[in-house]
């Protein structure tokens, strides 16, 4: 995470780049071809996404068959809302487990571990971390990232990060509006989006002079707020292969907007980004696939079954209450089916009676529905996320969560690692660089500047879910120290096997104790030396006091002997050498 220079053009929300006429046709035609290829490759995923929408999450996404400017309801097959409830718990659990707004969930460290004990460096990194947290809290980050987590059960969810003056804004993108591309390592490095916008919206975002003539004509008419156009957006790595590229050729990533169907000399904006500006959260990925699979995929078979069973249960209940009837034709329109109703019939042989008698056991069906609902809840890991919520509120420790949900946490381990490395790392790197380019961070002291020159800043996560993942290492330390303590009661010499100072340092570091609370190695050694010196001085004083106490009786005895000799004891005087 190194500071880089971002031009005003790249930070411009609209862009006003004018293209040279020489290569405009060739450049835009290539972009349009790549854009179309991304959406063609996406086609094989659409049926699954729509199936999930129709059976689990009926109000998610915006697909080509949806009409802009009106609610898109796809709940005709929804008779049980358990999948939607599970998705809400999943999103809240991921947010409280990875990016909780109410507590510190990350910190900055250095890749060079030898500098991490430097107090000045720690304080600078902590200060910059506090500023980053403040900017995130003041922005729409937590609302946007919650929307990302709500979309994550589909498999993936992208979020754009853009500089807005001296602040930052975050924009989540819903399923069905985008297409993704990956590099040879399977990392998302291409983003394409299509969105329906009115002429007035296009002019408001990009400026009238940058719009194609068709948009300008509609805007000037009375249909500017009701006529829709499809706006295309492509963000990709800038390989600079053609020399005079669209947008800023010095930017690592190009960003180009145009109106679908416009000619090859009409684009809305061409800008760029210094780093990847649209991180994509992905739940689980197979190989080099662009798109992921998530809990909604795993729950889809059970969700189909649940909706069918709920529909059948409702039908069976209704048939039991109001079964189809048969009777004489002459009273067909006079049959009263309400409770306590009366139907006059002159012929007793033409009785009105049910066409058939339903014998369905509703209780058995309800039990089966509960079992299917439980399987859906397991697919969304709702029990684990409810327990993580207790951890975030301080009602449980990370060790208790680890003990109760060891298997689920192991299953979520790869998911957490992917969300941190592919999504949250990119988010924090982008935010850090924007703040650094805008000179939001205070200037570095000269000594710290020298130490940080060329150093890579790393991100360490302190969230409840990250802590729960680290509990395996903490448990080993706790169990080891407890075993040594018990064994020392039998043989005190075993305590010499353990470096208690190093164990405490590693434990505090893993649980994410703030850097200002932990003394550096130099400070620790100075304190030890001072304590040893104080102990030595105390021992010397105690020894001197003991010697003084021992010397007092001897002096008194010598005085008594001298007095006795002076009193005229010749033998004593001779023994003491007082007479020659």
Foldseek 3Di string as FASTA:
>chain_A
DDFDAFDPQQQDQAADDAADPPCLLVQVVVVVVVLVVLVVVCVVLVVVLVLLCLLANVQFDDAPPDDPPDGRGNPPLPLDHLNVVLLLLLLVLCCQFQPPLVDAWKFKAFPPPVCRLPLQLQVQRRQLSVVLSVLCVVECNSVQVSVQSSQQQQFKWKKFWHDDPLHIYIGTDTPRFKGFDADPQLFTFKIKGKDKDFLVVLCVRQNLVQADPVSNVCCPDPCRHPDIWIKMKMKGAQPCPPVRHFADNPARIKIWIATPPDHSNHTRHIYHHNADRMFMQGQADDDSDGGGHHLSSVLSVLSSVLSVLSVVLVVLVCCQLQNAKDFDPVCVVPDDSDVPDDGDDPDPVGDIDGPDHDDDDSVVSVVVSVVSSVSSSVSSVSVLSVVLVCCSVVNDPLVVSCVVPVPVLVVSVVSVVRCVPRPVVRVVVRSSNSNVNVVVRDDRDPVSCVVCVVIDMDMDTQGSSQLSVCVVVVVVLVVVVVVQVVVCVVPVVCVVVDPVVVSVVVNCVSNPDRSVVDRRPVVVVVVVVVVVVVVVVVVVVVVVVVVVVVVVVVVVVVVVLVVVVVVPDVVSCVVVVVDD
